[in-house]
Protein backbone atom coordinates (compact mmCIF):
# COMPACT_ATOMS: atom_id res chain seq x y z
CA MET A 1 35.26 -0.40 37.07
CA THR A 2 38.62 -2.09 36.70
CA MET A 3 39.77 -5.61 37.51
CA THR A 4 41.64 -4.15 40.49
CA ASP A 5 38.41 -2.63 41.78
CA LEU A 6 36.67 -6.01 41.46
CA SER A 7 39.57 -7.75 43.18
CA ASP A 8 39.59 -5.23 46.02
CA GLY A 9 35.82 -5.57 46.42
CA ARG A 10 36.01 -9.35 46.59
CA ALA A 11 38.90 -9.19 49.05
CA ALA A 12 36.89 -6.83 51.25
CA LYS A 13 33.87 -9.16 51.15
CA ARG A 14 36.00 -12.17 52.04
CA ALA A 15 37.65 -10.26 54.88
CA ALA A 16 34.27 -9.17 56.28
CA ILE A 17 32.88 -12.70 56.12
CA ARG A 18 36.06 -14.20 57.61
CA LYS A 19 35.99 -11.66 60.44
CA ALA A 20 32.34 -12.45 61.17
CA CYS A 21 32.98 -16.21 61.14
CA ASN A 22 36.03 -16.05 63.39
CA SER A 23 34.50 -13.84 66.04
CA THR A 24 32.36 -14.93 68.95
CA LYS A 25 30.85 -11.45 68.90
CA PRO A 26 30.83 -10.47 65.22
CA THR A 27 31.37 -6.82 64.36
CA VAL A 28 29.70 -7.41 61.00
CA PRO A 29 25.96 -7.90 61.41
CA ALA A 30 24.58 -11.15 60.05
CA ASP A 31 22.16 -9.30 57.77
CA GLN A 32 25.12 -7.50 56.16
CA VAL A 33 26.93 -10.81 55.55
CA LEU A 34 23.74 -12.30 54.09
CA ALA A 35 23.33 -9.25 51.84
CA LEU A 36 26.89 -9.77 50.52
CA LEU A 37 26.18 -13.43 49.86
CA ASP A 38 22.85 -12.58 48.16
CA ALA A 39 24.61 -10.09 45.89
CA ASP A 40 27.21 -12.71 44.97
CA LEU A 41 24.49 -15.29 44.28
CA THR A 42 22.64 -12.82 42.05
CA ARG A 43 25.85 -12.07 40.11
CA ILE A 44 26.64 -15.78 39.70
CA GLN A 45 23.09 -16.58 38.57
CA ALA A 46 23.24 -13.77 36.00
CA ALA A 47 26.51 -15.19 34.66
CA ILE A 48 24.98 -18.67 34.43
CA ASP A 49 21.89 -17.30 32.67
CA ALA A 50 24.14 -15.51 30.15
CA LEU A 51 25.82 -18.75 29.10
CA PRO A 52 24.81 -19.99 25.66
CA THR A 53 22.36 -22.88 25.51
CA PRO A 54 24.26 -26.09 24.84
CA ARG A 55 23.59 -27.63 21.44
CA PRO A 56 22.67 -31.32 21.42
CA THR A 57 25.39 -33.62 20.18
CA ASP A 58 24.38 -36.52 17.98
């Protein structure tokens, strides 16, 4: 997977969410939008968990 692929994927997610938010009759089902947000949350949590534990400063 390249950075372009990641960029395109994020752009597609943002477009789908924007389209759903701006429509009075969304073409993107709410469960699909929630699944996208859940996937993003999982990815962000994994990145946070991978951060090194801060060392105490004296």
